N, C-alpha and C. Protein backbone atom coordinates (compact mmCIF):
# COMPACT_ATOMS: atom_id res chain seq x y z
N MET A 1 128.52 142.38 111.28
CA MET A 1 127.95 141.74 110.13
C MET A 1 127.71 142.72 109.00
N GLU A 2 127.52 143.94 109.32
CA GLU A 2 127.29 144.93 108.28
C GLU A 2 128.53 145.11 107.40
N LYS A 3 129.68 145.01 107.97
CA LYS A 3 130.92 145.19 107.21
C LYS A 3 131.08 144.11 106.16
N LYS A 4 130.65 142.90 106.46
CA LYS A 4 130.76 141.83 105.47
C LYS A 4 129.86 142.10 104.28
N GLY A 5 128.71 142.70 104.51
CA GLY A 5 127.79 143.01 103.43
C GLY A 5 128.32 144.09 102.48
N ARG A 6 129.08 144.99 102.99
CA ARG A 6 129.62 146.08 102.16
C ARG A 6 130.89 145.66 101.41
N ARG A 7 131.62 144.77 101.94
CA ARG A 7 132.90 144.39 101.33
C ARG A 7 132.72 143.87 99.91
N PRO A 8 131.78 142.96 99.62
CA PRO A 8 131.64 142.50 98.24
C PRO A 8 131.27 143.64 97.29
N SER A 9 130.54 144.63 97.74
CA SER A 9 130.20 145.73 96.85
C SER A 9 131.44 146.56 96.51
N LYS A 10 132.36 146.69 97.43
CA LYS A 10 133.62 147.40 97.14
C LYS A 10 134.46 146.60 96.16
N VAL A 11 134.49 145.30 96.32
CA VAL A 11 135.25 144.45 95.41
C VAL A 11 134.64 144.52 94.02
N ILE A 12 133.33 144.49 93.95
CA ILE A 12 132.65 144.59 92.66
C ILE A 12 132.92 145.96 92.03
N PHE A 13 132.88 147.02 92.83
CA PHE A 13 133.15 148.37 92.33
C PHE A 13 134.57 148.47 91.77
N VAL A 14 135.53 147.94 92.49
CA VAL A 14 136.93 147.98 92.04
C VAL A 14 137.08 147.15 90.76
N ALA A 15 136.43 146.00 90.71
CA ALA A 15 136.52 145.15 89.52
C ALA A 15 135.90 145.86 88.31
N ILE A 16 134.78 146.51 88.51
CA ILE A 16 134.15 147.25 87.41
C ILE A 16 135.03 148.42 86.98
N LEU A 17 135.58 149.12 87.96
CA LEU A 17 136.46 150.26 87.65
C LEU A 17 137.68 149.80 86.86
N LEU A 18 138.30 148.71 87.29
CA LEU A 18 139.47 148.20 86.56
C LEU A 18 139.07 147.74 85.16
N SER A 19 137.91 147.13 85.03
CA SER A 19 137.44 146.69 83.71
C SER A 19 137.22 147.89 82.79
N VAL A 20 136.61 148.94 83.32
CA VAL A 20 136.37 150.15 82.53
C VAL A 20 137.69 150.79 82.12
N LEU A 21 138.64 150.86 83.03
CA LEU A 21 139.96 151.43 82.70
C LEU A 21 140.66 150.60 81.63
N PHE A 22 140.58 149.29 81.76
CA PHE A 22 141.23 148.40 80.79
C PHE A 22 140.58 148.55 79.42
N LEU A 23 139.25 148.58 79.39
CA LEU A 23 138.55 148.74 78.11
C LEU A 23 138.84 150.10 77.49
N THR A 24 138.95 151.14 78.32
CA THR A 24 139.30 152.47 77.83
C THR A 24 140.70 152.46 77.21
N TYR A 25 141.63 151.80 77.89
CA TYR A 25 142.99 151.68 77.36
C TYR A 25 142.98 150.97 76.01
N LEU A 26 142.25 149.86 75.92
CA LEU A 26 142.17 149.12 74.65
C LEU A 26 141.57 149.98 73.55
N PHE A 27 140.51 150.70 73.88
CA PHE A 27 139.86 151.55 72.89
C PHE A 27 140.79 152.65 72.40
N LEU A 28 141.45 153.34 73.35
CA LEU A 28 142.33 154.45 72.96
C LEU A 28 143.52 153.96 72.15
N SER A 29 144.13 152.86 72.56
CA SER A 29 145.29 152.36 71.80
C SER A 29 144.86 151.90 70.41
N GLY A 30 143.69 151.28 70.32
CA GLY A 30 143.19 150.87 69.01
C GLY A 30 142.87 152.07 68.14
N TYR A 31 142.29 153.10 68.73
CA TYR A 31 141.96 154.32 68.00
C TYR A 31 143.22 155.00 67.47
N LEU A 32 144.23 155.10 68.31
CA LEU A 32 145.48 155.73 67.88
C LEU A 32 146.15 154.93 66.76
N ASN A 33 146.13 153.61 66.88
CA ASN A 33 146.69 152.78 65.81
C ASN A 33 145.91 152.95 64.52
N LEU A 34 144.60 153.05 64.62
CA LEU A 34 143.76 153.25 63.45
C LEU A 34 144.08 154.57 62.76
N ARG A 35 144.30 155.62 63.53
CA ARG A 35 144.67 156.92 62.95
C ARG A 35 146.01 156.84 62.22
N LYS A 36 146.99 156.16 62.86
CA LYS A 36 148.30 156.02 62.22
C LYS A 36 148.18 155.26 60.91
N VAL A 37 147.40 154.20 60.90
CA VAL A 37 147.21 153.42 59.68
C VAL A 37 146.51 154.27 58.63
N GLY A 38 145.54 155.07 59.04
CA GLY A 38 144.84 155.94 58.10
C GLY A 38 145.77 156.96 57.47
N GLU A 39 146.64 157.56 58.29
CA GLU A 39 147.60 158.54 57.77
C GLU A 39 148.58 157.87 56.81
N ARG A 40 149.00 156.67 57.17
CA ARG A 40 149.93 155.93 56.30
C ARG A 40 149.24 155.59 54.98
N LEU A 41 147.97 155.22 55.03
CA LEU A 41 147.21 154.91 53.83
C LEU A 41 147.13 156.12 52.91
N VAL A 42 146.91 157.30 53.47
CA VAL A 42 146.84 158.53 52.66
C VAL A 42 148.18 158.77 51.97
N ARG A 43 149.29 158.61 52.71
CA ARG A 43 150.62 158.81 52.11
C ARG A 43 150.88 157.80 51.00
N ILE A 44 150.48 156.56 51.22
CA ILE A 44 150.70 155.52 50.21
C ILE A 44 149.85 155.80 48.98
N GLU A 45 148.61 156.25 49.16
CA GLU A 45 147.76 156.57 48.02
C GLU A 45 148.32 157.74 47.22
N GLU A 46 148.87 158.75 47.89
CA GLU A 46 149.49 159.88 47.19
C GLU A 46 150.71 159.42 46.40
N GLU A 47 151.53 158.57 47.02
CA GLU A 47 152.71 158.04 46.34
C GLU A 47 152.28 157.20 45.14
N ASN A 48 151.21 156.44 45.31
CA ASN A 48 150.70 155.61 44.22
C ASN A 48 150.25 156.48 43.04
N LYS A 49 149.55 157.58 43.32
CA LYS A 49 149.12 158.50 42.26
C LYS A 49 150.33 159.08 41.53
N ARG A 50 151.36 159.45 42.31
CA ARG A 50 152.56 160.02 41.70
C ARG A 50 153.24 158.98 40.80
N LEU A 51 153.30 157.75 41.27
CA LEU A 51 153.94 156.70 40.47
C LEU A 51 153.14 156.36 39.22
N ILE A 52 151.82 156.43 39.31
CA ILE A 52 150.98 156.20 38.13
C ILE A 52 151.25 157.28 37.08
N GLN A 53 151.36 158.54 37.51
CA GLN A 53 151.66 159.63 36.58
C GLN A 53 153.05 159.46 35.96
N GLU A 54 154.01 159.07 36.78
CA GLU A 54 155.37 158.84 36.29
C GLU A 54 155.38 157.70 35.28
N ASN A 55 154.61 156.66 35.57
CA ASN A 55 154.52 155.52 34.67
C ASN A 55 153.93 155.93 33.33
N LYS A 56 152.87 156.74 33.35
CA LYS A 56 152.27 157.23 32.10
C LYS A 56 153.27 158.05 31.30
N ARG A 57 154.02 158.91 32.00
CA ARG A 57 155.02 159.74 31.32
C ARG A 57 156.08 158.86 30.66
N LEU A 58 156.52 157.83 31.38
CA LEU A 58 157.54 156.94 30.83
C LEU A 58 156.99 156.13 29.65
N GLU A 59 155.73 155.72 29.71
CA GLU A 59 155.13 155.01 28.58
C GLU A 59 155.07 155.90 27.35
N GLU A 60 154.72 157.18 27.54
CA GLU A 60 154.69 158.12 26.43
C GLU A 60 156.09 158.32 25.84
N GLU A 61 157.08 158.36 26.73
CA GLU A 61 158.46 158.53 26.25
C GLU A 61 158.90 157.28 25.47
N ILE A 62 158.50 156.11 25.93
CA ILE A 62 158.84 154.88 25.20
C ILE A 62 158.22 154.89 23.82
N LYS A 63 156.95 155.28 23.73
CA LYS A 63 156.27 155.35 22.42
C LYS A 63 156.98 156.33 21.50
N ALA A 64 157.39 157.48 22.07
CA ALA A 64 158.08 158.48 21.26
C ALA A 64 159.43 157.95 20.78
N LEU A 65 160.13 157.23 21.65
CA LEU A 65 161.43 156.69 21.26
C LEU A 65 161.29 155.58 20.22
N GLU A 66 160.19 154.85 20.28
CA GLU A 66 160.00 153.76 19.32
C GLU A 66 159.60 154.25 17.93
N GLY A 67 158.89 155.39 17.86
CA GLY A 67 158.36 155.75 16.56
C GLY A 67 158.62 157.16 16.08
N ASP A 68 159.32 157.98 16.83
CA ASP A 68 159.51 159.37 16.43
C ASP A 68 161.00 159.65 16.27
N PRO A 69 161.50 159.66 15.03
CA PRO A 69 162.93 159.87 14.83
C PRO A 69 163.40 161.27 15.27
N PHE A 70 162.52 162.26 15.22
CA PHE A 70 162.91 163.59 15.67
C PHE A 70 163.12 163.62 17.17
N TYR A 71 162.29 162.87 17.91
CA TYR A 71 162.45 162.80 19.37
C TYR A 71 163.75 162.06 19.72
N ILE A 72 164.03 161.02 18.97
CA ILE A 72 165.27 160.27 19.21
C ILE A 72 166.47 161.19 18.98
N GLU A 73 166.41 161.97 17.91
CA GLU A 73 167.51 162.90 17.63
C GLU A 73 167.63 163.94 18.74
N LYS A 74 166.50 164.44 19.20
CA LYS A 74 166.51 165.45 20.27
C LYS A 74 167.19 164.88 21.53
N ILE A 75 166.82 163.67 21.91
CA ILE A 75 167.41 163.04 23.10
C ILE A 75 168.91 162.81 22.87
N ALA A 76 169.26 162.35 21.68
CA ALA A 76 170.67 162.09 21.39
C ALA A 76 171.49 163.37 21.48
N ARG A 77 170.95 164.48 21.03
CA ARG A 77 171.68 165.74 21.07
C ARG A 77 171.75 166.31 22.50
N GLU A 78 170.58 166.35 23.18
CA GLU A 78 170.53 167.01 24.48
C GLU A 78 171.17 166.19 25.60
N GLU A 79 170.90 164.89 25.62
CA GLU A 79 171.36 164.09 26.75
C GLU A 79 172.68 163.39 26.49
N LEU A 80 172.95 163.06 25.22
CA LEU A 80 174.17 162.32 24.91
C LEU A 80 175.24 163.17 24.24
N GLY A 81 174.88 164.42 23.87
CA GLY A 81 175.85 165.32 23.26
C GLY A 81 176.27 164.92 21.85
N MET A 82 175.43 164.19 21.15
CA MET A 82 175.77 163.73 19.79
C MET A 82 175.51 164.84 18.78
N VAL A 83 176.24 164.77 17.67
CA VAL A 83 176.07 165.74 16.60
C VAL A 83 175.98 165.00 15.27
N ARG A 84 175.43 165.68 14.27
CA ARG A 84 175.37 165.10 12.93
C ARG A 84 176.73 165.16 12.27
N LYS A 85 176.91 164.31 11.30
CA LYS A 85 178.16 164.30 10.56
C LYS A 85 178.33 165.63 9.85
N GLY A 86 179.48 166.24 10.02
CA GLY A 86 179.78 167.51 9.38
C GLY A 86 179.42 168.72 10.22
N GLU A 87 178.72 168.53 11.31
CA GLU A 87 178.38 169.67 12.17
C GLU A 87 179.58 170.06 13.01
N ILE A 88 179.65 171.33 13.31
CA ILE A 88 180.70 171.83 14.19
C ILE A 88 180.02 172.36 15.44
N VAL A 89 180.51 171.90 16.57
CA VAL A 89 179.92 172.30 17.85
C VAL A 89 180.82 173.36 18.47
N TYR A 90 180.20 174.45 18.85
CA TYR A 90 180.91 175.51 19.54
C TYR A 90 180.48 175.50 20.99
N GLU A 91 181.45 175.47 21.87
CA GLU A 91 181.15 175.50 23.30
C GLU A 91 181.58 176.86 23.84
N ILE A 92 180.63 177.57 24.40
CA ILE A 92 180.92 178.90 24.92
C ILE A 92 181.28 178.75 26.39
N ILE A 93 182.48 179.19 26.69
CA ILE A 93 182.97 179.13 28.07
C ILE A 93 183.07 180.55 28.57
N SER A 94 182.34 180.84 29.62
CA SER A 94 182.38 182.20 30.15
C SER A 94 183.63 182.36 31.01
N SER A 95 184.18 183.56 30.95
CA SER A 95 185.38 183.81 31.74
C SER A 95 184.99 183.98 33.20
N PRO A 96 185.85 183.57 34.09
CA PRO A 96 185.52 183.73 35.51
C PRO A 96 185.42 185.20 35.87
N GLU A 97 184.46 185.49 36.74
CA GLU A 97 184.28 186.89 37.15
C GLU A 97 185.43 187.29 38.07
N PRO A 98 185.92 188.53 37.89
CA PRO A 98 187.01 188.98 38.76
C PRO A 98 186.51 189.08 40.21
N GLU A 99 187.39 188.72 41.13
CA GLU A 99 187.03 188.78 42.54
C GLU A 99 186.97 190.23 43.00
N LYS A 100 185.96 190.54 43.76
CA LYS A 100 185.79 191.91 44.25
C LYS A 100 186.66 192.12 45.48
N GLY A 101 187.19 193.28 45.58
CA GLY A 101 187.95 193.66 46.77
C GLY A 101 189.45 193.42 46.63
N LYS A 102 189.90 192.86 45.52
CA LYS A 102 191.35 192.65 45.31
C LYS A 102 191.83 193.68 44.29
N ASP A 103 192.29 194.80 44.74
CA ASP A 103 192.80 195.85 43.85
C ASP A 103 194.26 196.04 44.03
């Protein structure tokens, strides 16, 4: 009869142990997911800051293009290769360097 009295306590112990292990698993997996989400949030916030700065720069460039004829001319010359009427453009082409070791 003594064995019957101990058996339910072993079952209860195993049930509690399994419950603790299961809850530990849930906690750890949730914690790891929370860390991943936190790291992703930091990356997204950094990207957002970078895009806000880029957006401000582009807005300033739009304002300059809308109202500054000197800026428009600068962009036309540097990026589009345009010249004023009557200007002569000289392109300097450097000669290729002689190969070393061929004598």
